[in-house]
């Protein structure tokens, strides 16, 4: 990997990460491209992801040598007894966006039925995004590894990992790292 710096994201990085997500994830992620979701439509999801993911030390930044954000991995802790998932997209006007909201609600609503009843806490990968000019350099994999600190996983009692990866490249990356896709 080139000379990139991988670090834990904090609340102080919120606006910088939000700008990155709007500049890259919004226009490069598969489902976003397919639906042509606008920044206005996407903003509630981005804000909800940032609000939950920056509460714990499991979100990761990657910076280039020049200090620019090259990638982000936003993760949040989910507990079996958390309140039922509330779709941050609200009631979208366009059917394409409503379909995304329905898919997300269905996945979140069924995850605990799919997991072993002994599992009560998981780390969810909300957003994994590497800017196009920096892709295929191992950044996404390095960010995923950074969030797997054994000490932090133990401290937060994380028993497993979940994610919703619509990108084929992210699905293959996760499979290569031992995740079930």
C-alpha atoms as a PDB file:
ATOM      1  CA  UNK A   1       0.000   0.000   0.000  1.00  0.00           C
ATOM      2  CA  UNK A   2       1.224   3.486  -0.790  1.00  0.00           C
ATOM      3  CA  UNK A   3       2.028   5.859   2.048  1.00  0.00           C
ATOM      4  CA  UNK A   4      -1.440   6.185   3.603  1.00  0.00           C
ATOM      5  CA  UNK A   5      -2.311   6.907   7.234  1.00  0.00           C
ATOM      6  CA  UNK A   6      -5.103   4.836   8.802  1.00  0.00           C
ATOM      7  CA  UNK A   7      -6.627   6.234  12.012  1.00  0.00           C
ATOM      8  CA  UNK A   8      -9.737   6.085  14.176  1.00  0.00           C
ATOM      9  CA  UNK A   9     -12.413   8.641  13.279  1.00  0.00           C
ATOM     10  CA  UNK A  10     -13.830  10.893  15.979  1.00  0.00           C
ATOM     11  CA  UNK A  11     -16.713  13.328  16.232  1.00  0.00           C
ATOM     12  CA  UNK A  12     -14.214  16.077  15.330  1.00  0.00           C
ATOM     13  CA  UNK A  13     -14.002  14.558  11.826  1.00  0.00           C
ATOM     14  CA  UNK A  14     -17.778  14.569  11.286  1.00  0.00           C
ATOM     15  CA  UNK A  15     -18.064  17.378   8.723  1.00  0.00           C
ATOM     16  CA  UNK A  16     -14.989  16.248   6.801  1.00  0.00           C
ATOM     17  CA  UNK A  17     -16.369  12.697   6.621  1.00  0.00           C
ATOM     18  CA  UNK A  18     -19.804  13.983   5.614  1.00  0.00           C
ATOM     19  CA  UNK A  19     -18.237  16.001   2.788  1.00  0.00           C
ATOM     20  CA  UNK A  20     -16.302  12.904   1.664  1.00  0.00           C
ATOM     21  CA  UNK A  21     -19.430  10.737   1.713  1.00  0.00           C
ATOM     22  CA  UNK A  22     -21.337  13.276  -0.371  1.00  0.00           C
ATOM     23  CA  UNK A  23     -18.474  13.671  -2.829  1.00  0.00           C
ATOM     24  CA  UNK A  24     -17.655   9.965  -3.209  1.00  0.00           C
ATOM     25  CA  UNK A  25     -20.026   7.419  -1.638  1.00  0.00           C
ATOM     26  CA  UNK A  26     -23.127   9.241  -2.857  1.00  0.00           C
ATOM     27  CA  UNK A  27     -21.994   9.159  -6.500  1.00  0.00           C
ATOM     28  CA  UNK A  28     -19.821   6.007  -6.590  1.00  0.00           C
ATOM     29  CA  UNK A  29     -21.720   3.397  -4.509  1.00  0.00           C
ATOM     30  CA  UNK A  30     -23.663   0.900  -6.635  1.00  0.00           C
ATOM     31  CA  UNK A  31     -27.167   1.385  -5.233  1.00  0.00           C
ATOM     32  CA  UNK A  32     -26.771   5.152  -5.105  1.00  0.00           C
ATOM     33  CA  UNK A  33     -25.750   5.211  -8.765  1.00  0.00           C
ATOM     34  CA  UNK A  34     -28.602   2.885  -9.764  1.00  0.00           C
ATOM     35  CA  UNK A  35     -31.226   5.070  -8.086  1.00  0.00           C
ATOM     36  CA  UNK A  36     -29.615   8.432  -8.889  1.00  0.00           C
ATOM     37  CA  UNK A  37     -30.276   9.432  -5.280  1.00  0.00           C
ATOM     38  CA  UNK A  38     -29.716  13.132  -4.692  1.00  0.00           C
ATOM     39  CA  UNK A  39     -27.722  14.723  -1.892  1.00  0.00           C
ATOM     40  CA  UNK A  40     -30.964  16.034  -0.395  1.00  0.00           C
ATOM     41  CA  UNK A  41     -32.483  12.526  -0.392  1.00  0.00           C
ATOM     42  CA  UNK A  42     -29.296  10.913   0.910  1.00  0.00           C
ATOM     43  CA  UNK A  43     -28.502  13.445   3.659  1.00  0.00           C
ATOM     44  CA  UNK A  44     -30.760  11.909   6.363  1.00  0.00           C
ATOM     45  CA  UNK A  45     -29.074   8.511   5.903  1.00  0.00           C
ATOM     46  CA  UNK A  46     -25.591  10.059   5.938  1.00  0.00           C
ATOM     47  CA  UNK A  47     -26.370  12.066   9.069  1.00  0.00           C
ATOM     48  CA  UNK A  48     -27.876   9.070  10.892  1.00  0.00           C
ATOM     49  CA  UNK A  49     -24.852   6.937   9.972  1.00  0.00           C
ATOM     50  CA  UNK A  50     -22.456   9.601  11.213  1.00  0.00           C
ATOM     51  CA  UNK A  51     -24.416  10.128  14.430  1.00  0.00           C
ATOM     52  CA  UNK A  52     -24.294   6.430  15.351  1.00  0.00           C
ATOM     53  CA  UNK A  53     -20.879   5.502  13.990  1.00  0.00           C
ATOM     54  CA  UNK A  54     -18.870   8.254  15.639  1.00  0.00           C
ATOM     55  CA  UNK A  55     -20.038   7.273  19.143  1.00  0.00           C
ATOM     56  CA  UNK A  56     -17.520   4.411  19.372  1.00  0.00           C
ATOM     57  CA  UNK A  57     -13.907   3.925  18.210  1.00  0.00           C
ATOM     58  CA  UNK A  58     -14.757   1.581  15.322  1.00  0.00           C
ATOM     59  CA  UNK A  59     -14.945   4.051  12.450  1.00  0.00           C
ATOM     60  CA  UNK A  60     -11.794   4.552  10.443  1.00  0.00           C
ATOM     61  CA  UNK A  61     -10.250   7.185   8.184  1.00  0.00           C
ATOM     62  CA  UNK A  62      -7.567   6.783   5.562  1.00  0.00           C
ATOM     63  CA  UNK A  63      -5.530   9.807   4.524  1.00  0.00           C
ATOM     64  CA  UNK A  64      -3.229  10.207   1.557  1.00  0.00           C
ATOM     65  CA  UNK A  65       0.295  11.566   1.893  1.00  0.00           C
ATOM     66  CA  UNK A  66      -1.091  15.044   1.203  1.00  0.00           C
ATOM     67  CA  UNK A  67      -3.595  14.670   4.069  1.00  0.00           C
ATOM     68  CA  UNK A  68      -6.692  14.295   1.892  1.00  0.00           C
ATOM     69  CA  UNK A  69      -9.300  11.737   2.898  1.00  0.00           C
ATOM     70  CA  UNK A  70      -8.851   8.712   0.654  1.00  0.00           C
ATOM     71  CA  UNK A  71     -11.409   6.479   2.371  1.00  0.00           C
ATOM     72  CA  UNK A  72     -13.764   5.982   5.296  1.00  0.00           C
ATOM     73  CA  UNK A  73     -15.212   2.961   7.060  1.00  0.00           C
ATOM     74  CA  UNK A  74     -18.115   3.861   9.326  1.00  0.00           C
ATOM     75  CA  UNK A  75     -19.219   1.226  11.820  1.00  0.00           C
ATOM     76  CA  UNK A  76     -21.704   1.229  14.666  1.00  0.00           C
ATOM     77  CA  UNK A  77     -22.520  -1.056  17.574  1.00  0.00           C
ATOM     78  CA  UNK A  78     -25.909  -2.818  17.471  1.00  0.00           C
ATOM     79  CA  UNK A  79     -27.468  -4.576  20.451  1.00  0.00           C
ATOM     80  CA  UNK A  80     -30.226  -7.153  20.297  1.00  0.00           C
ATOM     81  CA  UNK A  81     -32.305  -5.049  22.691  1.00  0.00           C
ATOM     82  CA  UNK A  82     -31.885  -1.775  20.746  1.00  0.00           C
ATOM     83  CA  UNK A  83     -35.120  -0.063  19.715  1.00  0.00           C
ATOM     84  CA  UNK A  84     -36.507  -1.253  16.400  1.00  0.00           C
ATOM     85  CA  UNK A  85     -34.677   0.151  13.364  1.00  0.00           C
ATOM     86  CA  UNK A  86     -36.048   3.493  12.256  1.00  0.00           C
ATOM     87  CA  UNK A  87     -35.427   4.223   8.600  1.00  0.00           C
ATOM     88  CA  UNK A  88     -33.561   7.549   8.362  1.00  0.00           C
ATOM     89  CA  UNK A  89     -34.824   8.136   4.813  1.00  0.00           C
ATOM     90  CA  UNK A  90     -38.304   8.797   6.193  1.00  0.00           C
ATOM     91  CA  UNK A  91     -41.010   8.628   3.529  1.00  0.00           C
ATOM     92  CA  UNK A  92     -39.173   9.120   0.233  1.00  0.00           C
ATOM     93  CA  UNK A  93     -41.156  10.529  -2.681  1.00  0.00           C
ATOM     94  CA  UNK A  94     -39.445   8.516  -5.413  1.00  0.00           C
ATOM     95  CA  UNK A  95     -40.173   4.770  -5.643  1.00  0.00           C
ATOM     96  CA  UNK A  96     -36.480   3.952  -6.175  1.00  0.00           C
ATOM     97  CA  UNK A  97     -35.554   5.530  -2.859  1.00  0.00           C
ATOM     98  CA  UNK A  98     -38.549   3.968  -1.122  1.00  0.00           C
ATOM     99  CA  UNK A  99     -37.282   0.575  -2.353  1.00  0.00           C
ATOM    100  CA  UNK A 100     -33.876   1.173  -0.730  1.00  0.00           C
ATOM    101  CA  UNK A 101     -35.597   2.179   2.503  1.00  0.00           C
ATOM    102  CA  UNK A 102     -37.711  -0.984   2.425  1.00  0.00           C
ATOM    103  CA  UNK A 103     -34.670  -3.196   1.800  1.00  0.00           C
ATOM    104  CA  UNK A 104     -32.757  -1.592   4.685  1.00  0.00           C
ATOM    105  CA  UNK A 105     -35.730  -1.921   7.031  1.00  0.00           C
ATOM    106  CA  UNK A 106     -36.205  -5.580   6.090  1.00  0.00           C
ATOM    107  CA  UNK A 107     -32.536  -6.403   6.627  1.00  0.00           C
ATOM    108  CA  UNK A 108     -32.387  -4.621   9.970  1.00  0.00           C
ATOM    109  CA  UNK A 109     -35.674  -6.123  11.044  1.00  0.00           C
ATOM    110  CA  UNK A 110     -34.558  -9.672  10.327  1.00  0.00           C
ATOM    111  CA  UNK A 111     -30.908  -9.655  11.399  1.00  0.00           C
ATOM    112  CA  UNK A 112     -31.551 -10.816  14.959  1.00  0.00           C
ATOM    113  CA  UNK A 113     -33.759 -13.660  13.730  1.00  0.00           C
ATOM    114  CA  UNK A 114     -30.885 -14.836  11.535  1.00  0.00           C
ATOM    115  CA  UNK A 115     -28.208 -14.708  14.239  1.00  0.00           C
ATOM    116  CA  UNK A 116     -27.610 -17.207  17.017  1.00  0.00           C
ATOM    117  CA  UNK A 117     -29.733 -16.187  20.044  1.00  0.00           C
ATOM    118  CA  UNK A 118     -26.558 -16.078  22.163  1.00  0.00           C
ATOM    119  CA  UNK A 119     -25.253 -13.165  20.082  1.00  0.00           C
ATOM    120  CA  UNK A 120     -26.353  -9.873  21.624  1.00  0.00           C
ATOM    121  CA  UNK A 121     -23.864  -7.313  20.291  1.00  0.00           C
ATOM    122  CA  UNK A 122     -22.539  -6.887  16.756  1.00  0.00           C
ATOM    123  CA  UNK A 123     -20.441  -4.345  14.916  1.00  0.00           C
ATOM    124  CA  UNK A 124     -22.218  -3.161  11.782  1.00  0.00           C
ATOM    125  CA  UNK A 125     -20.301  -1.768   8.840  1.00  0.00           C
ATOM    126  CA  UNK A 126     -22.533   1.109   7.736  1.00  0.00           C
ATOM    127  CA  UNK A 127     -20.405   2.667   4.996  1.00  0.00           C
ATOM    128  CA  UNK A 128     -17.157   1.517   3.381  1.00  0.00           C
ATOM    129  CA  UNK A 129     -15.965   3.951   0.748  1.00  0.00           C
ATOM    130  CA  UNK A 130     -12.654   4.607  -0.964  1.00  0.00           C
ATOM    131  CA  UNK A 131     -12.411   7.543  -3.366  1.00  0.00           C
ATOM    132  CA  UNK A 132     -12.092   6.407  -6.973  1.00  0.00           C
ATOM    133  CA  UNK A 133      -8.509   7.683  -7.460  1.00  0.00           C
ATOM    134  CA  UNK A 134      -7.360   5.577  -4.475  1.00  0.00           C
ATOM    135  CA  UNK A 135      -9.183   2.325  -5.192  1.00  0.00           C
ATOM    136  CA  UNK A 136      -7.399  -1.020  -5.724  1.00  0.00           C
ATOM    137  CA  UNK A 137      -4.581  -0.165  -3.311  1.00  0.00           C
ATOM    138  CA  UNK A 138      -5.693  -2.214  -0.307  1.00  0.00           C
ATOM    139  CA  UNK A 139      -7.180   0.723   1.587  1.00  0.00           C
ATOM    140  CA  UNK A 140     -10.587  -0.840   2.259  1.00  0.00           C
ATOM    141  CA  UNK A 141      -8.961  -3.980   3.680  1.00  0.00           C
ATOM    142  CA  UNK A 142      -6.641  -1.968   5.915  1.00  0.00           C
ATOM    143  CA  UNK A 143      -9.563   0.063   7.248  1.00  0.00           C
ATOM    144  CA  UNK A 144     -11.509  -3.127   8.010  1.00  0.00           C
ATOM    145  CA  UNK A 145      -8.535  -4.553   9.911  1.00  0.00           C
ATOM    146  CA  UNK A 146      -8.023  -1.347  11.929  1.00  0.00           C
ATOM    147  CA  UNK A 147     -11.528  -1.615  13.390  1.00  0.00           C
ATOM    148  CA  UNK A 148     -10.868  -5.155  14.662  1.00  0.00           C
ATOM    149  CA  UNK A 149      -8.761  -4.257  17.703  1.00  0.00           C
ATOM    150  CA  UNK A 150      -9.158  -7.258  20.059  1.00  0.00           C
ATOM    151  CA  UNK A 151      -9.060  -4.971  23.098  1.00  0.00           C
ATOM    152  CA  UNK A 152     -11.814  -2.703  21.788  1.00  0.00           C
ATOM    153  CA  UNK A 153     -13.963  -5.604  20.587  1.00  0.00           C
ATOM    154  CA  UNK A 154     -13.713  -7.111  24.068  1.00  0.00           C
ATOM    155  CA  UNK A 155     -14.391  -3.781  25.800  1.00  0.00           C
ATOM    156  CA  UNK A 156     -17.574  -3.272  23.750  1.00  0.00           C
ATOM    157  CA  UNK A 157     -18.504  -6.985  24.002  1.00  0.00           C
ATOM    158  CA  UNK A 158     -18.706  -7.361  20.209  1.00  0.00           C
ATOM    159  CA  UNK A 159     -19.627 -10.928  19.287  1.00  0.00           C
ATOM    160  CA  UNK A 160     -19.825 -10.622  15.508  1.00  0.00           C
ATOM    161  CA  UNK A 161     -19.838  -8.429  12.421  1.00  0.00           C
ATOM    162  CA  UNK A 162     -22.649  -7.544  10.025  1.00  0.00           C
ATOM    163  CA  UNK A 163     -22.954  -5.305   6.982  1.00  0.00           C
ATOM    164  CA  UNK A 164     -25.073  -4.524   3.950  1.00  0.00           C
ATOM    165  CA  UNK A 165     -22.655  -4.419   1.018  1.00  0.00           C
ATOM    166  CA  UNK A 166     -24.314  -3.705  -2.312  1.00  0.00           C
ATOM    167  CA  UNK A 167     -20.951  -3.276  -4.025  1.00  0.00           C
ATOM    168  CA  UNK A 168     -19.643  -6.513  -5.542  1.00  0.00           C
ATOM    169  CA  UNK A 169     -16.061  -5.428  -4.775  1.00  0.00           C
ATOM    170  CA  UNK A 170     -16.941  -4.953  -1.089  1.00  0.00           C
ATOM    171  CA  UNK A 171     -18.728  -8.314  -1.016  1.00  0.00           C
ATOM    172  CA  UNK A 172     -15.616 -10.028  -2.389  1.00  0.00           C
ATOM    173  CA  UNK A 173     -13.373  -8.159   0.060  1.00  0.00           C
ATOM    174  CA  UNK A 174     -15.528  -9.271   2.982  1.00  0.00           C
ATOM    175  CA  UNK A 175     -15.645 -12.860   1.722  1.00  0.00           C
ATOM    176  CA  UNK A 176     -11.846 -12.877   1.372  1.00  0.00           C
ATOM    177  CA  UNK A 177     -11.641 -11.822   5.023  1.00  0.00           C
ATOM    178  CA  UNK A 178     -13.804 -14.727   6.172  1.00  0.00           C
ATOM    179  CA  UNK A 179     -17.239 -13.101   6.275  1.00  0.00           C
ATOM    180  CA  UNK A 180     -20.309 -14.907   4.959  1.00  0.00           C
ATOM    181  CA  UNK A 181     -21.824 -13.057   2.035  1.00  0.00           C
END
